Amino acid sequence: SQIVQFQDFLLRANKYRCLKMAGDEKATDRKLTLVEDFPNQFYRQPRSLHDMLRCFVRRPQYPLVFVVSDCPSGDGRLQSLFPREIQKELAISCISFNPVPPTTMMKALS
């Protein structure tokens, strides 16, 4: 299932050290795990994500960063995935950016 694959991804991402790339002599061992997409099941059953995150924070090695794009309609995706209680319990910080109007985006792309 998607949830099992996601859990496996989190475990593997936290387990292995970062790769040294050629020309990165000055690079440090800073690493984070970036999640830009969630299994759809988390939107229907956010509790399974919350349980998974509780397990993850017990043995954190690297910071975990989620990118959640809110829809203009404000469908509450962020609040369903990360309600205030979970943010407080797991010390999750939320960083918000002002939305870019679609017309501005189209001008920049053309």
PDB file of N, CA and C in Angstrom:
ATOM      1  N   SER A   1       0.838  -1.191   0.000  1.00  0.00           N
ATOM      2  CA  SER A   1       0.000   0.000   0.000  1.00  0.00           C
ATOM      3  C   SER A   1       0.880   1.251   0.000  1.00  0.00           C
ATOM      4  N   GLN A   2       0.276   2.367  -0.322  1.00  0.00           N
ATOM      5  CA  GLN A   2       1.010   3.634  -0.355  1.00  0.00           C
ATOM      6  C   GLN A   2       1.546   4.011   1.021  1.00  0.00           C
ATOM      7  N   ILE A   3       0.773   3.728   2.047  1.00  0.00           N
ATOM      8  CA  ILE A   3       1.196   4.087   3.399  1.00  0.00           C
ATOM      9  C   ILE A   3       2.419   3.285   3.809  1.00  0.00           C
ATOM     10  N   VAL A   4       2.451   2.009   3.484  1.00  0.00           N
ATOM     11  CA  VAL A   4       3.609   1.167   3.808  1.00  0.00           C
ATOM     12  C   VAL A   4       4.842   1.665   3.051  1.00  0.00           C
ATOM     13  N   GLN A   5       4.671   2.019   1.791  1.00  0.00           N
ATOM     14  CA  GLN A   5       5.792   2.543   1.002  1.00  0.00           C
ATOM     15  C   GLN A   5       6.296   3.867   1.573  1.00  0.00           C
ATOM     16  N   PHE A   6       5.379   4.710   2.018  1.00  0.00           N
ATOM     17  CA  PHE A   6       5.765   5.992   2.601  1.00  0.00           C
ATOM     18  C   PHE A   6       6.528   5.774   3.907  1.00  0.00           C
ATOM     19  N   GLN A   7       6.038   4.869   4.724  1.00  0.00           N
ATOM     20  CA  GLN A   7       6.711   4.562   5.983  1.00  0.00           C
ATOM     21  C   GLN A   7       8.111   4.012   5.714  1.00  0.00           C
ATOM     22  N   ASP A   8       8.232   3.150   4.726  1.00  0.00           N
ATOM     23  CA  ASP A   8       9.533   2.603   4.353  1.00  0.00           C
ATOM     24  C   ASP A   8      10.471   3.716   3.887  1.00  0.00           C
ATOM     25  N   PHE A   9       9.941   4.662   3.116  1.00  0.00           N
ATOM     26  CA  PHE A   9      10.739   5.806   2.671  1.00  0.00           C
ATOM     27  C   PHE A   9      11.274   6.590   3.864  1.00  0.00           C
ATOM     28  N   LEU A  10      10.415   6.889   4.834  1.00  0.00           N
ATOM     29  CA  LEU A  10      10.851   7.647   6.006  1.00  0.00           C
ATOM     30  C   LEU A  10      11.922   6.903   6.791  1.00  0.00           C
ATOM     31  N   LEU A  11      11.739   5.605   6.959  1.00  0.00           N
ATOM     32  CA  LEU A  11      12.729   4.820   7.698  1.00  0.00           C
ATOM     33  C   LEU A  11      14.069   4.791   6.970  1.00  0.00           C
ATOM     34  N   ARG A  12      14.042   4.587   5.657  1.00  0.00           N
ATOM     35  CA  ARG A  12      15.289   4.555   4.889  1.00  0.00           C
ATOM     36  C   ARG A  12      15.957   5.928   4.849  1.00  0.00           C
ATOM     37  N   ALA A  13      15.168   6.971   4.719  1.00  0.00           N
ATOM     38  CA  ALA A  13      15.728   8.322   4.655  1.00  0.00           C
ATOM     39  C   ALA A  13      16.411   8.695   5.962  1.00  0.00           C
ATOM     40  N   ASN A  14      15.918   8.199   7.054  1.00  0.00           N
ATOM     41  CA  ASN A  14      16.484   8.507   8.361  1.00  0.00           C
ATOM     42  C   ASN A  14      17.659   7.591   8.695  1.00  0.00           C
ATOM     43  N   LYS A  15      17.763   6.494   7.988  1.00  0.00           N
ATOM     44  CA  LYS A  15      18.766   5.474   8.314  1.00  0.00           C
ATOM     45  C   LYS A  15      20.136   5.768   7.707  1.00  0.00           C
ATOM     46  N   TYR A  16      20.159   6.215   6.461  1.00  0.00           N
ATOM     47  CA  TYR A  16      21.415   6.351   5.731  1.00  0.00           C
ATOM     48  C   TYR A  16      21.948   7.773   5.768  1.00  0.00           C
ATOM     49  N   ARG A  17      23.258   7.879   5.755  1.00  0.00           N
ATOM     50  CA  ARG A  17      23.916   9.182   5.736  1.00  0.00           C
ATOM     51  C   ARG A  17      23.829   9.773   4.333  1.00  0.00           C
ATOM     52  N   CYS A  18      24.110  11.060   4.226  1.00  0.00           N
ATOM     53  CA  CYS A  18      24.053  11.697   2.914  1.00  0.00           C
ATOM     54  C   CYS A  18      25.266  11.295   2.072  1.00  0.00           C
ATOM     55  N   LEU A  19      25.080  11.353   0.769  1.00  0.00           N
ATOM     56  CA  LEU A  19      26.140  10.988  -0.162  1.00  0.00           C
ATOM     57  C   LEU A  19      27.105  12.155  -0.348  1.00  0.00           C
ATOM     58  N   LYS A  20      28.371  11.845  -0.437  1.00  0.00           N
ATOM     59  CA  LYS A  20      29.374  12.863  -0.752  1.00  0.00           C
ATOM     60  C   LYS A  20      29.475  12.963  -2.269  1.00  0.00           C
ATOM     61  N   MET A  21      29.350  14.154  -2.781  1.00  0.00           N
ATOM     62  CA  MET A  21      29.423  14.376  -4.219  1.00  0.00           C
ATOM     63  C   MET A  21      30.802  14.923  -4.579  1.00  0.00           C
ATOM     64  N   ALA A  22      31.232  14.650  -5.788  1.00  0.00           N
ATOM     65  CA  ALA A  22      32.506  15.177  -6.262  1.00  0.00           C
ATOM     66  C   ALA A  22      32.458  16.701  -6.246  1.00  0.00           C
ATOM     67  N   GLY A  23      33.503  17.310  -5.741  1.00  0.00           N
ATOM     68  CA  GLY A  23      33.558  18.763  -5.678  1.00  0.00           C
ATOM     69  C   GLY A  23      32.912  19.345  -4.439  1.00  0.00           C
ATOM     70  N   ASP A  24      32.451  18.495  -3.525  1.00  0.00           N
ATOM     71  CA  ASP A  24      31.810  18.967  -2.289  1.00  0.00           C
ATOM     72  C   ASP A  24      32.767  18.892  -1.105  1.00  0.00           C
ATOM     73  N   GLU A  25      33.997  19.335  -1.289  1.00  0.00           N
ATOM     74  CA  GLU A  25      34.975  19.230  -0.202  1.00  0.00           C
ATOM     75  C   GLU A  25      34.541  20.029   1.025  1.00  0.00           C
ATOM     76  N   LYS A  26      33.885  21.150   0.798  1.00  0.00           N
ATOM     77  CA  LYS A  26      33.474  22.009   1.907  1.00  0.00           C
ATOM     78  C   LYS A  26      32.104  21.638   2.458  1.00  0.00           C
ATOM     79  N   ALA A  27      31.456  20.679   1.849  1.00  0.00           N
ATOM     80  CA  ALA A  27      30.105  20.301   2.289  1.00  0.00           C
ATOM     81  C   ALA A  27      30.157  19.655   3.664  1.00  0.00           C
ATOM     82  N   THR A  28      29.165  19.942   4.445  1.00  0.00           N
ATOM     83  CA  THR A  28      29.056  19.323   5.763  1.00  0.00           C
ATOM     84  C   THR A  28      28.056  18.183   5.675  1.00  0.00           C
ATOM     85  N   ASP A  29      27.853  17.531   6.777  1.00  0.00           N
ATOM     86  CA  ASP A  29      26.917  16.408   6.806  1.00  0.00           C
ATOM     87  C   ASP A  29      25.492  16.861   7.100  1.00  0.00           C
ATOM     88  N   ARG A  30      25.158  18.082   6.750  1.00  0.00           N
ATOM     89  CA  ARG A  30      23.789  18.545   6.965  1.00  0.00           C
ATOM     90  C   ARG A  30      22.867  17.821   6.004  1.00  0.00           C
ATOM     91  N   LYS A  31      21.760  17.408   6.530  1.00  0.00           N
ATOM     92  CA  LYS A  31      20.805  16.661   5.715  1.00  0.00           C
ATOM     93  C   LYS A  31      19.416  16.897   6.271  1.00  0.00           C
ATOM     94  N   LEU A  32      18.439  16.834   5.404  1.00  0.00           N
ATOM     95  CA  LEU A  32      17.047  16.835   5.826  1.00  0.00           C
ATOM     96  C   LEU A  32      16.288  15.917   4.889  1.00  0.00           C
ATOM     97  N   THR A  33      15.128  15.497   5.330  1.00  0.00           N
ATOM     98  CA  THR A  33      14.254  14.675   4.501  1.00  0.00           C
ATOM     99  C   THR A  33      13.108  15.565   4.048  1.00  0.00           C
ATOM    100  N   LEU A  34      12.944  15.697   2.733  1.00  0.00           N
ATOM    101  CA  LEU A  34      11.925  16.570   2.162  1.00  0.00           C
ATOM    102  C   LEU A  34      10.789  15.739   1.588  1.00  0.00           C
ATOM    103  N   VAL A  35       9.569  16.042   2.026  1.00  0.00           N
ATOM    104  CA  VAL A  35       8.373  15.348   1.538  1.00  0.00           C
ATOM    105  C   VAL A  35       7.486  16.386   0.857  1.00  0.00           C
ATOM    106  N   GLU A  36       7.260  16.201  -0.439  1.00  0.00           N
ATOM    107  CA  GLU A  36       6.439  17.146  -1.197  1.00  0.00           C
ATOM    108  C   GLU A  36       5.085  16.573  -1.581  1.00  0.00           C
ATOM    109  N   ASP A  37       4.901  15.289  -1.402  1.00  0.00           N
ATOM    110  CA  ASP A  37       3.650  14.655  -1.800  1.00  0.00           C
ATOM    111  C   ASP A  37       3.296  13.590  -0.773  1.00  0.00           C
ATOM    112  N   PHE A  38       2.014  13.466  -0.487  1.00  0.00           N
ATOM    113  CA  PHE A  38       1.535  12.510   0.503  1.00  0.00           C
ATOM    114  C   PHE A  38       0.686  11.443  -0.169  1.00  0.00           C
ATOM    115  N   PRO A  39       0.682  10.243   0.381  1.00  0.00           N
ATOM    116  CA  PRO A  39      -0.298   9.262  -0.106  1.00  0.00           C
ATOM    117  C   PRO A  39      -1.713   9.805   0.126  1.00  0.00           C
ATOM    118  N   ASN A  40      -2.598   9.588  -0.826  1.00  0.00           N
ATOM    119  CA  ASN A  40      -3.974  10.091  -0.718  1.00  0.00           C
ATOM    120  C   ASN A  40      -4.686   9.575   0.522  1.00  0.00           C
ATOM    121  N   GLN A  41      -4.303   8.415   0.998  1.00  0.00           N
ATOM    122  CA  GLN A  41      -4.961   7.837   2.172  1.00  0.00           C
ATOM    123  C   GLN A  41      -4.797   8.716   3.410  1.00  0.00           C
ATOM    124  N   PHE A  42      -3.723   9.496   3.471  1.00  0.00           N
ATOM    125  CA  PHE A  42      -3.524  10.367   4.631  1.00  0.00           C
ATOM    126  C   PHE A  42      -4.587  11.455   4.703  1.00  0.00           C
ATOM    127  N   TYR A  43      -5.120  11.869   3.571  1.00  0.00           N
ATOM    128  CA  TYR A  43      -6.166  12.889   3.585  1.00  0.00           C
ATOM    129  C   TYR A  43      -7.476  12.312   4.116  1.00  0.00           C
ATOM    130  N   ARG A  44      -7.682  11.025   3.881  1.00  0.00           N
ATOM    131  CA  ARG A  44      -8.885  10.364   4.398  1.00  0.00           C
ATOM    132  C   ARG A  44      -8.684   9.864   5.826  1.00  0.00           C
ATOM    133  N   GLN A  45      -7.447   9.466   6.141  1.00  0.00           N
ATOM    134  CA  GLN A  45      -7.126   8.927   7.467  1.00  0.00           C
ATOM    135  C   GLN A  45      -5.872   9.611   8.013  1.00  0.00           C
ATOM    136  N   PRO A  46      -5.970  10.873   8.407  1.00  0.00           N
ATOM    137  CA  PRO A  46      -4.776  11.581   8.876  1.00  0.00           C
ATOM    138  C   PRO A  46      -4.168  10.974  10.137  1.00  0.00           C
ATOM    139  N   ARG A  47      -4.959  10.228  10.886  1.00  0.00           N
ATOM    140  CA  ARG A  47      -4.444   9.607  12.110  1.00  0.00           C
ATOM    141  C   ARG A  47      -3.281   8.659  11.811  1.00  0.00           C
ATOM    142  N   SER A  48      -3.316   7.983  10.653  1.00  0.00           N
ATOM    143  CA  SER A  48      -2.219   7.077  10.307  1.00  0.00           C
ATOM    144  C   SER A  48      -0.919   7.865  10.084  1.00  0.00           C
ATOM    145  N   LEU A  49      -1.010   9.064   9.507  1.00  0.00           N
ATOM    146  CA  LEU A  49       0.170   9.922   9.370  1.00  0.00           C
ATOM    147  C   LEU A  49       0.662  10.358  10.742  1.00  0.00           C
ATOM    148  N   HIS A  50      -0.252  10.733  11.611  1.00  0.00           N
ATOM    149  CA  HIS A  50       0.122  11.190  12.947  1.00  0.00           C
ATOM    150  C   HIS A  50       0.840  10.086  13.719  1.00  0.00           C
ATOM    151  N   ASP A  51       0.326   8.860  13.638  1.00  0.00           N
ATOM    152  CA  ASP A  51       0.975   7.734  14.317  1.00  0.00           C
ATOM    153  C   ASP A  51       2.372   7.489  13.759  1.00  0.00           C
ATOM    154  N   MET A  52       2.504   7.595  12.450  1.00  0.00           N
ATOM    155  CA  MET A  52       3.801   7.395  11.803  1.00  0.00           C
ATOM    156  C   MET A  52       4.796   8.469  12.249  1.00  0.00           C
ATOM    157  N   LEU A  53       4.336   9.707  12.339  1.00  0.00           N
ATOM    158  CA  LEU A  53       5.215  10.795  12.765  1.00  0.00           C
ATOM    159  C   LEU A  53       5.630  10.641  14.220  1.00  0.00           C
ATOM    160  N   ARG A  54       4.739  10.135  15.046  1.00  0.00           N
ATOM    161  CA  ARG A  54       5.095   9.887  16.447  1.00  0.00           C
ATOM    162  C   ARG A  54       6.245   8.886  16.543  1.00  0.00           C
ATOM    163  N   CYS A  55       6.204   7.858  15.716  1.00  0.00           N
ATOM    164  CA  CYS A  55       7.293   6.874  15.695  1.00  0.00           C
ATOM    165  C   CYS A  55       8.576   7.509  15.174  1.00  0.00           C
ATOM    166  N   PHE A  56       8.451   8.357  14.171  1.00  0.00           N
ATOM    167  CA  PHE A  56       9.619   8.989  13.561  1.00  0.00           C
ATOM    168  C   PHE A  56      10.341   9.888  14.558  1.00  0.00           C
ATOM    169  N   VAL A  57       9.610  10.673  15.336  1.00  0.00           N
ATOM    170  CA  VAL A  57      10.258  11.630  16.243  1.00  0.00           C
ATOM    171  C   VAL A  57      10.906  10.954  17.447  1.00  0.00           C
ATOM    172  N   ARG A  58      10.590   9.707  17.687  1.00  0.00           N
ATOM    173  CA  ARG A  58      11.244   8.992  18.790  1.00  0.00           C
ATOM    174  C   ARG A  58      12.717   8.749  18.499  1.00  0.00           C
ATOM    175  N   ARG A  59      13.064   8.616  17.233  1.00  0.00           N
ATOM    176  CA  ARG A  59      14.455   8.374  16.864  1.00  0.00           C
ATOM    177  C   ARG A  59      14.869   9.277  15.692  1.00  0.00           C
ATOM    178  N   PRO A  60      14.752  10.583  15.885  1.00  0.00           N
ATOM    179  CA  PRO A  60      15.094  11.477  14.777  1.00  0.00           C
ATOM    180  C   PRO A  60      16.602  11.555  14.569  1.00  0.00           C
ATOM    181  N   GLN A  61      17.001  11.513  13.330  1.00  0.00           N
ATOM    182  CA  GLN A  61      18.400  11.712  13.001  1.00  0.00           C
ATOM    183  C   GLN A  61      18.548  12.985  12.182  1.00  0.00           C
ATOM    184  N   TYR A  62      17.575  13.232  11.333  1.00  0.00           N
ATOM    185  CA  TYR A  62      17.594  14.400  10.462  1.00  0.00           C
ATOM    186  C   TYR A  62      16.230  15.081  10.526  1.00  0.00           C
ATOM    187  N   PRO A  63      16.198  16.397  10.295  1.00  0.00           N
ATOM    188  CA  PRO A  63      14.901  17.093  10.264  1.00  0.00           C
ATOM    189  C   PRO A  63      14.028  16.581   9.118  1.00  0.00           C
ATOM    190  N   LEU A  64      12.745  16.601   9.351  1.00  0.00           N
ATOM    191  CA  LEU A  64      11.762  16.178   8.361  1.00  0.00           C
ATOM    192  C   LEU A  64      10.973  17.415   7.936  1.00  0.00           C
ATOM    193  N   VAL A  65      10.968  17.716   6.631  1.00  0.00           N
ATOM    194  CA  VAL A  65      10.318  18.915   6.107  1.00  0.00           C
ATOM    195  C   VAL A  65       9.210  18.499   5.151  1.00  0.00           C
ATOM    196  N   PHE A  66       8.016  19.028   5.381  1.00  0.00           N
ATOM    197  CA  PHE A  66       6.868  18.772   4.511  1.00  0.00           C
ATOM    198  C   PHE A  66       6.519  20.047   3.762  1.00  0.00           C
ATOM    199  N   VAL A  67       6.237  19.919   2.476  1.00  0.00           N
ATOM    200  CA  VAL A  67       5.757  21.039   1.674  1.00  0.00           C
ATOM    201  C   VAL A  67       4.294  20.751   1.370  1.00  0.00           C
ATOM    202  N   VAL A  68       3.412  21.615   1.878  1.00  0.00           N
ATOM    203  CA  VAL A  68       1.971  21.434   1.672  1.00  0.00           C
ATOM    204  C   VAL A  68       1.447  22.672   0.972  1.00  0.00           C
ATOM    205  N   SER A  69       0.944  22.492  -0.234  1.00  0.00           N
ATOM    206  CA  SER A  69       0.360  23.604  -0.982  1.00  0.00           C
ATOM    207  C   SER A  69      -1.124  23.660  -0.670  1.00  0.00           C
ATOM    208  N   ASP A  70      -1.553  24.778  -0.109  1.00  0.00           N
ATOM    209  CA  ASP A  70      -2.977  24.957   0.158  1.00  0.00           C
ATOM    210  C   ASP A  70      -3.657  25.446  -1.106  1.00  0.00           C
ATOM    211  N   CYS A  71      -4.828  24.950  -1.342  1.00  0.00           N
ATOM    212  CA  CYS A  71      -5.602  25.381  -2.509  1.00  0.00           C
ATOM    213  C   CYS A  71      -6.185  26.761  -2.241  1.00  0.00           C
ATOM    214  N   PRO A  72      -6.418  27.541  -3.301  1.00  0.00           N
ATOM    215  CA  PRO A  72      -7.030  28.859  -3.112  1.00  0.00           C
ATOM    216  C   PRO A  72      -8.388  28.785  -2.425  1.00  0.00           C
ATOM    217  N   SER A  73      -9.073  27.659  -2.591  1.00  0.00           N
ATOM    218  CA  SER A  73     -10.390  27.519  -1.971  1.00  0.00           C
ATOM    219  C   SER A  73     -10.282  27.302  -0.471  1.00  0.00           C
ATOM    220  N   GLY A  74      -9.047  27.063   0.027  1.00  0.00           N
ATOM    221  CA  GLY A  74      -8.862  26.861   1.456  1.00  0.00           C
ATOM    222  C   GLY A  74      -9.529  25.597   1.948  1.00  0.00           C
ATOM    223  N   ASP A  75      -9.241  24.481   1.294  1.00  0.00           N
ATOM    224  CA  ASP A  75      -9.913  23.226   1.638  1.00  0.00           C
ATOM    225  C   ASP A  75      -9.434  22.613   2.956  1.00  0.00           C
ATOM    226  N   GLY A  76      -8.477  23.248   3.627  1.00  0.00           N
ATOM    227  CA  GLY A  76      -8.064  22.778   4.943  1.00  0.00           C
ATOM    228  C   GLY A  76      -7.141  21.574   4.935  1.00  0.00           C
ATOM    229  N   ARG A  77      -6.419  21.354   3.849  1.00  0.00           N
ATOM    230  CA  ARG A  77      -5.515  20.203   3.770  1.00  0.00           C
ATOM    231  C   ARG A  77      -4.478  20.256   4.882  1.00  0.00           C
ATOM    232  N   LEU A  78      -3.923  21.434   5.110  1.00  0.00           N
ATOM    233  CA  LEU A  78      -2.896  21.581   6.131  1.00  0.00           C
ATOM    234  C   LEU A  78      -3.450  21.258   7.509  1.00  0.00           C
ATOM    235  N   GLN A  79      -4.640  21.766   7.811  1.00  0.00           N
ATOM    236  CA  GLN A  79      -5.228  21.527   9.127  1.00  0.00           C
ATOM    237  C   GLN A  79      -5.638  20.080   9.328  1.00  0.00           C
ATOM    238  N   SER A  80      -6.005  19.388   8.262  1.00  0.00           N
ATOM    239  CA  SER A  80      -6.369  17.980   8.437  1.00  0.00           C
ATOM    240  C   SER A  80      -5.130  17.115   8.615  1.00  0.00           C
ATOM    241  N   LEU A  81      -4.048  17.449   7.914  1.00  0.00           N
ATOM    242  CA  LEU A  81      -2.823  16.663   8.051  1.00  0.00           C
ATOM    243  C   LEU A  81      -2.066  17.003   9.328  1.00  0.00           C
ATOM    244  N   PHE A  82      -2.033  18.280   9.669  1.00  0.00           N
ATOM    245  CA  PHE A  82      -1.273  18.733  10.832  1.00  0.00           C
ATOM    246  C   PHE A  82      -2.122  19.642  11.718  1.00  0.00           C
ATOM    247  N   PRO A  83      -3.094  19.066  12.441  1.00  0.00           N
ATOM    248  CA  PRO A  83      -3.899  19.910  13.337  1.00  0.00           C
ATOM    249  C   PRO A  83      -3.028  20.496  14.453  1.00  0.00           C
ATOM    250  N   ARG A  84      -3.521  21.520  15.076  1.00  0.00           N
ATOM    251  CA  ARG A  84      -2.755  22.232  16.114  1.00  0.00           C
ATOM    252  C   ARG A  84      -2.245  21.300  17.215  1.00  0.00           C
ATOM    253  N   GLU A  85      -3.056  20.321  17.612  1.00  0.00           N
ATOM    254  CA  GLU A  85      -2.633  19.412  18.687  1.00  0.00           C
ATOM    255  C   GLU A  85      -1.387  18.627  18.276  1.00  0.00           C
ATOM    256  N   ILE A  86      -1.361  18.165  17.038  1.00  0.00           N
ATOM    257  CA  ILE A  86      -0.215  17.401  16.538  1.00  0.00           C
ATOM    258  C   ILE A  86       0.995  18.319  16.385  1.00  0.00           C
ATOM    259  N   GLN A  87       0.770  19.536  15.905  1.00  0.00           N
ATOM    260  CA  GLN A  87       1.875  20.486  15.780  1.00  0.00           C
ATOM    261  C   GLN A  87       2.524  20.732  17.134  1.00  0.00           C
ATOM    262  N   LYS A  88       1.703  20.880  18.152  1.00  0.00           N
ATOM    263  CA  LYS A  88       2.229  21.134  19.491  1.00  0.00           C
ATOM    264  C   LYS A  88       2.910  19.886  20.059  1.00  0.00           C
ATOM    265  N   GLU A  89       2.264  18.743  19.949  1.00  0.00           N
ATOM    266  CA  GLU A  89       2.801  17.492  20.500  1.00  0.00           C
ATOM    267  C   GLU A  89       4.152  17.118  19.891  1.00  0.00           C
ATOM    268  N   LEU A  90       4.291  17.300  18.578  1.00  0.00           N
ATOM    269  CA  LEU A  90       5.497  16.859  17.878  1.00  0.00           C
ATOM    270  C   LEU A  90       6.460  18.007  17.562  1.00  0.00           C
ATOM    271  N   ALA A  91       6.189  19.182  18.116  1.00  0.00           N
ATOM    272  CA  ALA A  91       7.033  20.366  17.909  1.00  0.00           C
ATOM    273  C   ALA A  91       7.211  20.667  16.423  1.00  0.00           C
ATOM    274  N   ILE A  92       6.093  20.695  15.702  1.00  0.00           N
ATOM    275  CA  ILE A  92       6.104  20.986  14.270  1.00  0.00           C
ATOM    276  C   ILE A  92       5.968  22.491  14.079  1.00  0.00           C
ATOM    277  N   SER A  93       6.865  23.059  13.307  1.00  0.00           N
ATOM    278  CA  SER A  93       6.794  24.479  12.968  1.00  0.00           C
ATOM    279  C   SER A  93       6.170  24.627  11.594  1.00  0.00           C
ATOM    280  N   CYS A  94       5.326  25.619  11.460  1.00  0.00           N
ATOM    281  CA  CYS A  94       4.656  25.879  10.186  1.00  0.00           C
ATOM    282  C   CYS A  94       5.158  27.212   9.641  1.00  0.00           C
ATOM    283  N   ILE A  95       5.666  27.176   8.421  1.00  0.00           N
ATOM    284  CA  ILE A  95       6.136  28.387   7.754  1.00  0.00           C
ATOM    285  C   ILE A  95       5.209  28.641   6.574  1.00  0.00           C
ATOM    286  N   SER A  96       4.584  29.796   6.565  1.00  0.00           N
ATOM    287  CA  SER A  96       3.629  30.129   5.498  1.00  0.00           C
ATOM    288  C   SER A  96       4.200  31.214   4.599  1.00  0.00           C
ATOM    289  N   PHE A  97       3.838  31.135   3.340  1.00  0.00           N
ATOM    290  CA  PHE A  97       4.229  32.144   2.367  1.00  0.00           C
ATOM    291  C   PHE A  97       2.969  32.746   1.767  1.00  0.00           C
ATOM    292  N   ASN A  98       3.058  34.009   1.406  1.00  0.00           N
ATOM    293  CA  ASN A  98       1.925  34.646   0.743  1.00  0.00           C
ATOM    294  C   ASN A  98       1.701  33.977  -0.606  1.00  0.00           C
ATOM    295  N   PRO A  99       0.447  33.770  -0.968  1.00  0.00           N
ATOM    296  CA  PRO A  99       0.175  33.134  -2.262  1.00  0.00           C
ATOM    297  C   PRO A  99       0.532  34.058  -3.428  1.00  0.00           C
ATOM    298  N   VAL A 100       0.889  33.437  -4.526  1.00  0.00           N
ATOM    299  CA  VAL A 100       1.181  34.183  -5.753  1.00  0.00           C
ATOM    300  C   VAL A 100      -0.059  34.112  -6.636  1.00  0.00           C
ATOM    301  N   PRO A 101      -0.610  35.260  -7.025  1.00  0.00           N
ATOM    302  CA  PRO A 101      -1.803  35.238  -7.883  1.00  0.00           C
ATOM    303  C   PRO A 101      -1.500  34.541  -9.216  1.00  0.00           C
ATOM    304  N   PRO A 102      -2.469  33.797  -9.735  1.00  0.00           N
ATOM    305  CA  PRO A 102      -2.255  33.088 -11.006  1.00  0.00           C
ATOM    306  C   PRO A 102      -1.835  34.004 -12.153  1.00  0.00           C
ATOM    307  N   THR A 103      -2.359  35.239 -12.186  1.00  0.00           N
ATOM    308  CA  THR A 103      -1.984  36.150 -13.279  1.00  0.00           C
ATOM    309  C   THR A 103      -0.508  36.531 -13.191  1.00  0.00           C
ATOM    310  N   THR A 104      -0.012  36.740 -11.991  1.00  0.00           N
ATOM    311  CA  THR A 104       1.408  37.049 -11.810  1.00  0.00           C
ATOM    312  C   THR A 104       2.266  35.864 -12.224  1.00  0.00           C
ATOM    313  N   MET A 105       1.816  34.673 -11.885  1.00  0.00           N
ATOM    314  CA  MET A 105       2.544  33.462 -12.252  1.00  0.00           C
ATOM    315  C   MET A 105       2.602  33.316 -13.769  1.00  0.00           C
ATOM    316  N   MET A 106       1.498  33.560 -14.443  1.00  0.00           N
ATOM    317  CA  MET A 106       1.456  33.435 -15.902  1.00  0.00           C
ATOM    318  C   MET A 106       2.378  34.464 -16.569  1.00  0.00           C
ATOM    319  N   LYS A 107       2.420  35.681 -16.030  1.00  0.00           N
ATOM    320  CA  LYS A 107       3.305  36.709 -16.586  1.00  0.00           C
ATOM    321  C   LYS A 107       4.763  36.293 -16.429  1.00  0.00           C
ATOM    322  N   ALA A 108       5.099  35.727 -15.288  1.00  0.00           N
ATOM    323  CA  ALA A 108       6.480  35.308 -15.037  1.00  0.00           C
ATOM    324  C   ALA A 108       6.881  34.144 -15.928  1.00  0.00           C
ATOM    325  N   LEU A 109       5.930  33.277 -16.250  1.00  0.00           N
ATOM    326  CA  LEU A 109       6.235  32.110 -17.071  1.00  0.00           C
ATOM    327  C   LEU A 109       6.305  32.423 -18.561  1.00  0.00           C
ATOM    328  N   SER A 110       5.670  33.521 -18.982  1.00  0.00           N
ATOM    329  CA  SER A 110       5.670  33.816 -20.430  1.00  0.00           C
ATOM    330  C   SER A 110       6.731  34.816 -20.818  1.00  0.00           C
TER     331      SER A 110
END
